Amino acid sequence: LAGRGLIATVPDAAILSHADPLDGNGDGISGVVRLVNGKIGRFGWKADHASLQEQVATAFAMDIGLSSKHSPAQFADCTDQQRECRNNPDGNDELGDGFEISETVIDLVSRYVASLGTERAGSATGLVLFEKTGCAACHLPTIRGINGPVGLFSDLLIHDMGTGLSDGFAQAGILASEWRTAPLIGISTSKSRLLHDGRAETVRDSIHWHGGEALKSKDSFLALSAEDQHVLLDFVGGL
């Protein structure tokens, strides 16, 4: 979660400026903006949330089944046909604004997440290799924020990552193999495995799973000498 609050400081115009849905420049990369209820999505694996508050509320609902104004269903994982599931007892009360989690709680948790900073490390040589291999085409080292450049290492756009990274679940206007460019900021402080389902234990593993629009960059990485690969992996792992 470190550095995720910075995502909210990126203006819509900055995200739009990097979009290239028809690959107009012919580089094989066609970043697409994800629209969510008329707003630009930027949070979540598939950019399916426009604000940090929405993502926090969805995490409460989908991960531990707690309803809020943003996710009012008694149990977000219950379908309309699962009547027994929906008839289970709930914790809705006045303290939760008629739900299980109040808007105040959503706001407090969102503010906490937004406060989690990170310190970026890494050598200049590592950054040069990061750019040389094409990683920086999607994992932009910086993107314009309201208070100056923001080092997210993401363009916050949707890209096709190939069938190897398909999760089998297409969404409205989004293929199963399409994902938002994951911000690399905070990797050094994370204890989690990488990629959307945690299949990659290391940065090297995650690179090997890259396909689709990222295939050219993966091949460029594999073409590096063992020493340069090590420098690049250390750079990414230190972000």
C-alpha atoms as a PDB file:
ATOM      1  CA  LEU A   1       0.000   0.000   0.000  1.00  0.00           C
ATOM      2  CA  ALA A   2       2.992   2.309   0.311  1.00  0.00           C
ATOM      3  CA  GLY A   3       2.746   5.295  -1.996  1.00  0.00           C
ATOM      4  CA  ARG A   4      -0.751   4.448  -3.225  1.00  0.00           C
ATOM      5  CA  GLY A   5      -2.072   7.792  -2.014  1.00  0.00           C
ATOM      6  CA  LEU A   6       0.035   9.453  -4.716  1.00  0.00           C
ATOM      7  CA  ILE A   7      -2.195   7.920  -7.394  1.00  0.00           C
ATOM      8  CA  ALA A   8      -4.992  10.295  -6.426  1.00  0.00           C
ATOM      9  CA  THR A   9      -2.734  13.298  -7.083  1.00  0.00           C
ATOM     10  CA  VAL A  10      -2.412  12.516 -10.799  1.00  0.00           C
ATOM     11  CA  PRO A  11      -4.781  14.703 -12.880  1.00  0.00           C
ATOM     12  CA  ASP A  12      -7.033  13.003 -15.414  1.00  0.00           C
ATOM     13  CA  ALA A  13      -5.311  14.993 -18.169  1.00  0.00           C
ATOM     14  CA  ALA A  14      -1.945  13.441 -17.285  1.00  0.00           C
ATOM     15  CA  ILE A  15      -3.332   9.919 -17.657  1.00  0.00           C
ATOM     16  CA  LEU A  16      -5.105  10.810 -20.899  1.00  0.00           C
ATOM     17  CA  SER A  17      -1.919  12.306 -22.346  1.00  0.00           C
ATOM     18  CA  HIS A  18      -0.215   8.892 -22.308  1.00  0.00           C
ATOM     19  CA  ALA A  19      -3.139   6.917 -23.740  1.00  0.00           C
ATOM     20  CA  ASP A  20      -2.614   5.445 -27.217  1.00  0.00           C
ATOM     21  CA  PRO A  21      -5.558   3.082 -27.801  1.00  0.00           C
ATOM     22  CA  LEU A  22      -4.859   2.630 -31.533  1.00  0.00           C
ATOM     23  CA  ASP A  23      -1.057   2.452 -31.149  1.00  0.00           C
ATOM     24  CA  GLY A  24      -0.656   5.584 -33.210  1.00  0.00           C
ATOM     25  CA  ASN A  25       3.115   5.667 -32.739  1.00  0.00           C
ATOM     26  CA  GLY A  26       3.523   2.036 -33.825  1.00  0.00           C
ATOM     27  CA  ASP A  27       5.531   0.904 -30.802  1.00  0.00           C
ATOM     28  CA  GLY A  28       3.265  -2.067 -30.121  1.00  0.00           C
ATOM     29  CA  ILE A  29       1.876  -0.527 -26.929  1.00  0.00           C
ATOM     30  CA  SER A  30      -1.709   0.688 -26.839  1.00  0.00           C
ATOM     31  CA  GLY A  31      -2.500   2.058 -23.403  1.00  0.00           C
ATOM     32  CA  VAL A  32      -6.235   2.500 -22.808  1.00  0.00           C
ATOM     33  CA  VAL A  33      -8.039   4.650 -20.246  1.00  0.00           C
ATOM     34  CA  ARG A  34     -10.551   2.741 -18.095  1.00  0.00           C
ATOM     35  CA  LEU A  35     -13.766   4.665 -17.486  1.00  0.00           C
ATOM     36  CA  VAL A  36     -15.795   3.832 -14.377  1.00  0.00           C
ATOM     37  CA  ASN A  37     -19.195   5.521 -14.194  1.00  0.00           C
ATOM     38  CA  GLY A  38     -17.869   8.340 -16.345  1.00  0.00           C
ATOM     39  CA  LYS A  39     -14.701   8.786 -14.274  1.00  0.00           C
ATOM     40  CA  ILE A  40     -11.170   7.631 -15.035  1.00  0.00           C
ATOM     41  CA  GLY A  41     -10.355   4.452 -13.144  1.00  0.00           C
ATOM     42  CA  ARG A  42      -6.931   4.352 -11.561  1.00  0.00           C
ATOM     43  CA  PHE A  43      -7.076   2.095  -8.480  1.00  0.00           C
ATOM     44  CA  GLY A  44      -7.233  -1.696  -8.501  1.00  0.00           C
ATOM     45  CA  TRP A  45      -5.733  -4.386 -10.720  1.00  0.00           C
ATOM     46  CA  LYS A  46      -7.994  -3.409 -13.616  1.00  0.00           C
ATOM     47  CA  ALA A  47      -8.372   0.278 -12.752  1.00  0.00           C
ATOM     48  CA  ASP A  48     -11.956  -0.440 -11.770  1.00  0.00           C
ATOM     49  CA  HIS A  49     -12.051   2.245  -9.068  1.00  0.00           C
ATOM     50  CA  ALA A  50     -11.824   5.985  -9.617  1.00  0.00           C
ATOM     51  CA  SER A  51     -10.981   6.853  -6.004  1.00  0.00           C
ATOM     52  CA  LEU A  52      -9.108   5.381  -3.064  1.00  0.00           C
ATOM     53  CA  GLN A  53     -12.328   5.502  -1.024  1.00  0.00           C
ATOM     54  CA  GLU A  54     -14.074   3.271  -3.567  1.00  0.00           C
ATOM     55  CA  GLN A  55     -11.251   0.755  -3.485  1.00  0.00           C
ATOM     56  CA  VAL A  56     -11.208   0.689   0.322  1.00  0.00           C
ATOM     57  CA  ALA A  57     -14.986   0.195   0.433  1.00  0.00           C
ATOM     58  CA  THR A  58     -14.760  -2.625  -2.102  1.00  0.00           C
ATOM     59  CA  ALA A  59     -12.015  -4.298  -0.064  1.00  0.00           C
ATOM     60  CA  PHE A  60     -14.267  -4.188   3.015  1.00  0.00           C
ATOM     61  CA  ALA A  61     -17.119  -5.696   0.992  1.00  0.00           C
ATOM     62  CA  MET A  62     -15.357  -8.304  -1.124  1.00  0.00           C
ATOM     63  CA  ASP A  63     -12.607  -9.381   1.291  1.00  0.00           C
ATOM     64  CA  ILE A  64     -14.519  -9.509   4.583  1.00  0.00           C
ATOM     65  CA  GLY A  65     -18.167  -9.030   3.579  1.00  0.00           C
ATOM     66  CA  LEU A  66     -18.849  -5.682   5.265  1.00  0.00           C
ATOM     67  CA  SER A  67     -21.386  -3.390   3.625  1.00  0.00           C
ATOM     68  CA  SER A  68     -21.151   0.392   3.256  1.00  0.00           C
ATOM     69  CA  LYS A  69     -22.759   3.170   1.242  1.00  0.00           C
ATOM     70  CA  HIS A  70     -20.403   2.311  -1.618  1.00  0.00           C
ATOM     71  CA  SER A  71     -21.242  -1.419  -1.470  1.00  0.00           C
ATOM     72  CA  PRO A  72     -24.726  -1.610   0.063  1.00  0.00           C
ATOM     73  CA  ALA A  73     -25.385  -5.300  -0.543  1.00  0.00           C
ATOM     74  CA  GLN A  74     -25.576  -7.210   2.717  1.00  0.00           C
ATOM     75  CA  PHE A  75     -22.906  -9.580   1.508  1.00  0.00           C
ATOM     76  CA  ALA A  76     -21.198  -8.412  -1.646  1.00  0.00           C
ATOM     77  CA  ASP A  77     -20.228 -11.973  -2.595  1.00  0.00           C
ATOM     78  CA  CYS A  78     -23.844 -13.191  -2.572  1.00  0.00           C
ATOM     79  CA  THR A  79     -25.699 -13.317  -5.877  1.00  0.00           C
ATOM     80  CA  ASP A  80     -29.399 -12.452  -6.098  1.00  0.00           C
ATOM     81  CA  GLN A  81     -30.184 -16.165  -6.327  1.00  0.00           C
ATOM     82  CA  GLN A  82     -28.331 -17.049  -3.110  1.00  0.00           C
ATOM     83  CA  ARG A  83     -31.224 -16.267  -0.798  1.00  0.00           C
ATOM     84  CA  GLU A  84     -29.857 -18.147   2.195  1.00  0.00           C
ATOM     85  CA  CYS A  85     -26.626 -16.176   1.935  1.00  0.00           C
ATOM     86  CA  ARG A  86     -28.489 -12.872   1.710  1.00  0.00           C
ATOM     87  CA  ASN A  87     -30.775 -13.773   4.628  1.00  0.00           C
ATOM     88  CA  ASN A  88     -27.895 -14.332   7.019  1.00  0.00           C
ATOM     89  CA  PRO A  89     -27.629 -11.921   9.977  1.00  0.00           C
ATOM     90  CA  ASP A  90     -25.823  -8.662   9.307  1.00  0.00           C
ATOM     91  CA  GLY A  91     -24.196  -5.950  11.400  1.00  0.00           C
ATOM     92  CA  ASN A  92     -26.036  -2.962   9.961  1.00  0.00           C
ATOM     93  CA  ASP A  93     -26.676  -0.286  12.594  1.00  0.00           C
ATOM     94  CA  GLU A  94     -26.880   3.455  13.117  1.00  0.00           C
ATOM     95  CA  LEU A  95     -23.160   3.730  13.888  1.00  0.00           C
ATOM     96  CA  GLY A  96     -22.540   2.465  10.378  1.00  0.00           C
ATOM     97  CA  ASP A  97     -24.945   4.923   8.762  1.00  0.00           C
ATOM     98  CA  GLY A  98     -27.383   2.058   8.378  1.00  0.00           C
ATOM     99  CA  PHE A  99     -24.671  -0.255   7.057  1.00  0.00           C
ATOM    100  CA  GLU A 100     -21.873  -2.246   8.670  1.00  0.00           C
ATOM    101  CA  ILE A 101     -19.131   0.280   7.853  1.00  0.00           C
ATOM    102  CA  SER A 102     -19.796   4.005   8.080  1.00  0.00           C
ATOM    103  CA  GLU A 103     -18.555   6.648   5.674  1.00  0.00           C
ATOM    104  CA  THR A 104     -16.364   7.931   8.517  1.00  0.00           C
ATOM    105  CA  VAL A 105     -14.569   4.579   8.764  1.00  0.00           C
ATOM    106  CA  ILE A 106     -14.085   4.471   4.983  1.00  0.00           C
ATOM    107  CA  ASP A 107     -12.651   7.987   5.090  1.00  0.00           C
ATOM    108  CA  LEU A 108     -10.308   7.253   8.023  1.00  0.00           C
ATOM    109  CA  VAL A 109      -8.925   4.081   6.442  1.00  0.00           C
ATOM    110  CA  SER A 110      -8.498   5.873   3.107  1.00  0.00           C
ATOM    111  CA  ARG A 111      -6.608   8.706   4.800  1.00  0.00           C
ATOM    112  CA  TYR A 112      -4.382   6.185   6.561  1.00  0.00           C
ATOM    113  CA  VAL A 113      -3.548   4.379   3.314  1.00  0.00           C
ATOM    114  CA  ALA A 114      -2.885   7.731   1.613  1.00  0.00           C
ATOM    115  CA  SER A 115      -0.402   8.599   4.375  1.00  0.00           C
ATOM    116  CA  LEU A 116       1.786   5.550   3.764  1.00  0.00           C
ATOM    117  CA  GLY A 117       4.881   6.909   2.076  1.00  0.00           C
ATOM    118  CA  THR A 118       7.851   5.190   0.554  1.00  0.00           C
ATOM    119  CA  GLU A 119      11.473   5.973  -0.143  1.00  0.00           C
ATOM    120  CA  ARG A 120      12.667   5.113  -3.611  1.00  0.00           C
ATOM    121  CA  ALA A 121      16.138   3.681  -3.972  1.00  0.00           C
ATOM    122  CA  GLY A 122      18.040   2.542  -7.031  1.00  0.00           C
ATOM    123  CA  SER A 123      21.073   3.326  -9.135  1.00  0.00           C
ATOM    124  CA  ALA A 124      21.212   5.602 -12.162  1.00  0.00           C
ATOM    125  CA  THR A 125      22.532   2.638 -14.148  1.00  0.00           C
ATOM    126  CA  GLY A 126      19.480   0.627 -13.148  1.00  0.00           C
ATOM    127  CA  LEU A 127      17.173   3.365 -14.403  1.00  0.00           C
ATOM    128  CA  VAL A 128      19.056   3.532 -17.713  1.00  0.00           C
ATOM    129  CA  LEU A 129      18.593  -0.221 -18.179  1.00  0.00           C
ATOM    130  CA  PHE A 130      14.948   0.075 -17.134  1.00  0.00           C
ATOM    131  CA  GLU A 131      14.419   2.584 -19.928  1.00  0.00           C
ATOM    132  CA  LYS A 132      16.643   0.785 -22.444  1.00  0.00           C
ATOM    133  CA  THR A 133      14.654  -2.452 -22.205  1.00  0.00           C
ATOM    134  CA  GLY A 134      11.363  -0.612 -22.705  1.00  0.00           C
ATOM    135  CA  CYS A 135      10.004  -1.196 -19.206  1.00  0.00           C
ATOM    136  CA  ALA A 136       9.548   2.556 -18.826  1.00  0.00           C
ATOM    137  CA  ALA A 137       7.131   2.665 -21.770  1.00  0.00           C
ATOM    138  CA  CYS A 138       4.323   1.535 -19.437  1.00  0.00           C
ATOM    139  CA  HIS A 139       5.963   1.752 -16.006  1.00  0.00           C
ATOM    140  CA  LEU A 140       6.598   5.482 -16.386  1.00  0.00           C
ATOM    141  CA  PRO A 141       9.253   6.495 -13.821  1.00  0.00           C
ATOM    142  CA  THR A 142       7.329   9.740 -13.274  1.00  0.00           C
ATOM    143  CA  ILE A 143       3.930  11.081 -14.249  1.00  0.00           C
ATOM    144  CA  ARG A 144       2.614  14.599 -13.778  1.00  0.00           C
ATOM    145  CA  GLY A 145       0.914  15.217 -10.432  1.00  0.00           C
ATOM    146  CA  ILE A 146      -0.874  18.264  -9.066  1.00  0.00           C
ATOM    147  CA  ASN A 147       2.205  19.134  -6.992  1.00  0.00           C
ATOM    148  CA  GLY A 148       4.879  18.117  -9.485  1.00  0.00           C
ATOM    149  CA  PRO A 149       6.208  14.814 -10.883  1.00  0.00           C
ATOM    150  CA  VAL A 150       5.010  11.666  -9.109  1.00  0.00           C
ATOM    151  CA  GLY A 151       7.263   8.581  -9.135  1.00  0.00           C
ATOM    152  CA  LEU A 152       4.665   5.821  -9.469  1.00  0.00           C
ATOM    153  CA  PHE A 153       6.391   3.790 -12.174  1.00  0.00           C
ATOM    154  CA  SER A 154       3.013   3.406 -13.873  1.00  0.00           C
ATOM    155  CA  ASP A 155       0.978   5.123 -16.570  1.00  0.00           C
ATOM    156  CA  LEU A 156      -2.249   3.981 -14.819  1.00  0.00           C
ATOM    157  CA  LEU A 157      -3.504   2.712 -18.190  1.00  0.00           C
ATOM    158  CA  ILE A 158      -4.906  -0.652 -19.259  1.00  0.00           C
ATOM    159  CA  HIS A 159      -2.648  -2.936 -21.337  1.00  0.00           C
ATOM    160  CA  ASP A 160      -3.043  -6.408 -22.833  1.00  0.00           C
ATOM    161  CA  MET A 161      -0.494  -8.614 -21.079  1.00  0.00           C
ATOM    162  CA  GLY A 162      -1.090 -11.748 -23.139  1.00  0.00           C
ATOM    163  CA  THR A 163      -2.926 -15.017 -22.547  1.00  0.00           C
ATOM    164  CA  GLY A 164      -0.405 -16.165 -19.956  1.00  0.00           C
ATOM    165  CA  LEU A 165      -1.663 -13.505 -17.552  1.00  0.00           C
ATOM    166  CA  SER A 166      -5.351 -13.890 -18.350  1.00  0.00           C
ATOM    167  CA  ASP A 167      -7.489 -14.437 -15.269  1.00  0.00           C
ATOM    168  CA  GLY A 168     -10.388 -15.802 -17.322  1.00  0.00           C
ATOM    169  CA  PHE A 169     -12.778 -13.039 -16.278  1.00  0.00           C
ATOM    170  CA  ALA A 170     -13.530 -10.354 -18.841  1.00  0.00           C
ATOM    171  CA  GLN A 171     -15.209  -7.162 -17.633  1.00  0.00           C
ATOM    172  CA  ALA A 172     -17.206  -4.533 -19.500  1.00  0.00           C
ATOM    173  CA  GLY A 173     -14.829  -3.281 -22.173  1.00  0.00           C
ATOM    174  CA  ILE A 174     -11.853  -5.058 -20.566  1.00  0.00           C
ATOM    175  CA  LEU A 175     -10.389  -8.354 -21.742  1.00  0.00           C
ATOM    176  CA  ALA A 176      -9.403 -11.069 -19.280  1.00  0.00           C
ATOM    177  CA  SER A 177      -5.772 -10.509 -20.287  1.00  0.00           C
ATOM    178  CA  GLU A 178      -5.873  -6.728 -19.796  1.00  0.00           C
ATOM    179  CA  TRP A 179      -4.528  -5.079 -16.642  1.00  0.00           C
ATOM    180  CA  ARG A 180      -3.677  -1.652 -15.325  1.00  0.00           C
ATOM    181  CA  THR A 181       0.073  -1.067 -15.259  1.00  0.00           C
ATOM    182  CA  ALA A 182       0.936  -2.003 -11.697  1.00  0.00           C
ATOM    183  CA  PRO A 183       2.757   0.839  -9.877  1.00  0.00           C
ATOM    184  CA  LEU A 184       6.191  -0.443  -8.885  1.00  0.00           C
ATOM    185  CA  ILE A 185       6.612   2.105  -6.110  1.00  0.00           C
ATOM    186  CA  GLY A 186       6.709   0.363  -2.730  1.00  0.00           C
ATOM    187  CA  ILE A 187       7.906  -3.037  -3.960  1.00  0.00           C
ATOM    188  CA  SER A 188      10.856  -2.858  -1.567  1.00  0.00           C
ATOM    189  CA  THR A 189       8.517  -2.550   1.434  1.00  0.00           C
ATOM    190  CA  SER A 190       6.062  -5.237   0.346  1.00  0.00           C
ATOM    191  CA  LYS A 191       6.186  -8.769   1.700  1.00  0.00           C
ATOM    192  CA  SER A 192       3.621 -10.000  -0.836  1.00  0.00           C
ATOM    193  CA  ARG A 193       4.251 -12.101  -3.913  1.00  0.00           C
ATOM    194  CA  LEU A 194       3.872 -10.313  -7.231  1.00  0.00           C
ATOM    195  CA  LEU A 195       1.300 -10.109 -10.052  1.00  0.00           C
ATOM    196  CA  HIS A 196      -2.475 -10.124  -9.610  1.00  0.00           C
ATOM    197  CA  ASP A 197      -2.654 -13.648  -8.190  1.00  0.00           C
ATOM    198  CA  GLY A 198       0.712 -13.790  -6.417  1.00  0.00           C
ATOM    199  CA  ARG A 199       2.119 -16.365  -8.835  1.00  0.00           C
ATOM    200  CA  ALA A 200       5.481 -14.584  -9.040  1.00  0.00           C
ATOM    201  CA  GLU A 201       7.793 -14.923  -6.067  1.00  0.00           C
ATOM    202  CA  THR A 202      10.431 -12.566  -7.467  1.00  0.00           C
ATOM    203  CA  VAL A 203      10.716  -9.633  -9.865  1.00  0.00           C
ATOM    204  CA  ARG A 204      12.435 -11.971 -12.343  1.00  0.00           C
ATOM    205  CA  ASP A 205       9.477 -14.367 -12.150  1.00  0.00           C
ATOM    206  CA  SER A 206       7.027 -11.540 -12.852  1.00  0.00           C
ATOM    207  CA  ILE A 207       9.023 -10.432 -15.906  1.00  0.00           C
ATOM    208  CA  HIS A 208       8.911 -13.947 -17.323  1.00  0.00           C
ATOM    209  CA  TRP A 209       5.094 -13.857 -17.176  1.00  0.00           C
ATOM    210  CA  HIS A 210       4.931 -10.642 -19.216  1.00  0.00           C
ATOM    211  CA  GLY A 211       3.460 -11.090 -22.700  1.00  0.00           C
ATOM    212  CA  GLY A 212       1.238  -9.236 -25.124  1.00  0.00           C
ATOM    213  CA  GLU A 213       2.243  -5.590 -25.254  1.00  0.00           C
ATOM    214  CA  ALA A 214       5.099  -6.300 -22.825  1.00  0.00           C
ATOM    215  CA  LEU A 215       6.642  -9.180 -24.798  1.00  0.00           C
ATOM    216  CA  LYS A 216       9.175  -6.977 -26.558  1.00  0.00           C
ATOM    217  CA  SER A 217      10.378  -5.551 -23.240  1.00  0.00           C
ATOM    218  CA  LYS A 218      10.666  -9.031 -21.733  1.00  0.00           C
ATOM    219  CA  ASP A 219      12.767 -10.185 -24.666  1.00  0.00           C
ATOM    220  CA  SER A 220      14.975  -7.101 -24.270  1.00  0.00           C
ATOM    221  CA  PHE A 221      15.515  -7.978 -20.617  1.00  0.00           C
ATOM    222  CA  LEU A 222      16.407 -11.565 -21.465  1.00  0.00           C
ATOM    223  CA  ALA A 223      18.913 -10.296 -24.033  1.00  0.00           C
ATOM    224  CA  LEU A 224      20.843  -8.373 -21.367  1.00  0.00           C
ATOM    225  CA  SER A 225      24.012  -9.787 -19.893  1.00  0.00           C
ATOM    226  CA  ALA A 226      23.667 -11.589 -16.569  1.00  0.00           C
ATOM    227  CA  GLU A 227      25.333  -8.640 -14.854  1.00  0.00           C
ATOM    228  CA  ASP A 228      22.963  -6.080 -16.365  1.00  0.00           C
ATOM    229  CA  GLN A 229      19.961  -8.257 -15.528  1.00  0.00           C
ATOM    230  CA  HIS A 230      21.114  -8.300 -11.917  1.00  0.00           C
ATOM    231  CA  VAL A 231      21.496  -4.499 -11.880  1.00  0.00           C
ATOM    232  CA  LEU A 232      18.012  -4.022 -13.339  1.00  0.00           C
ATOM    233  CA  LEU A 233      16.390  -6.494 -10.943  1.00  0.00           C
ATOM    234  CA  ASP A 234      18.073  -4.779  -7.982  1.00  0.00           C
ATOM    235  CA  PHE A 235      16.805  -1.429  -9.239  1.00  0.00           C
ATOM    236  CA  VAL A 236      13.184  -2.583  -9.493  1.00  0.00           C
ATOM    237  CA  GLY A 237      13.378  -4.464  -6.198  1.00  0.00           C
ATOM    238  CA  GLY A 238      14.555  -1.295  -4.464  1.00  0.00           C
ATOM    239  CA  LEU A 239      11.652   0.882  -5.558  1.00  0.00           C
END
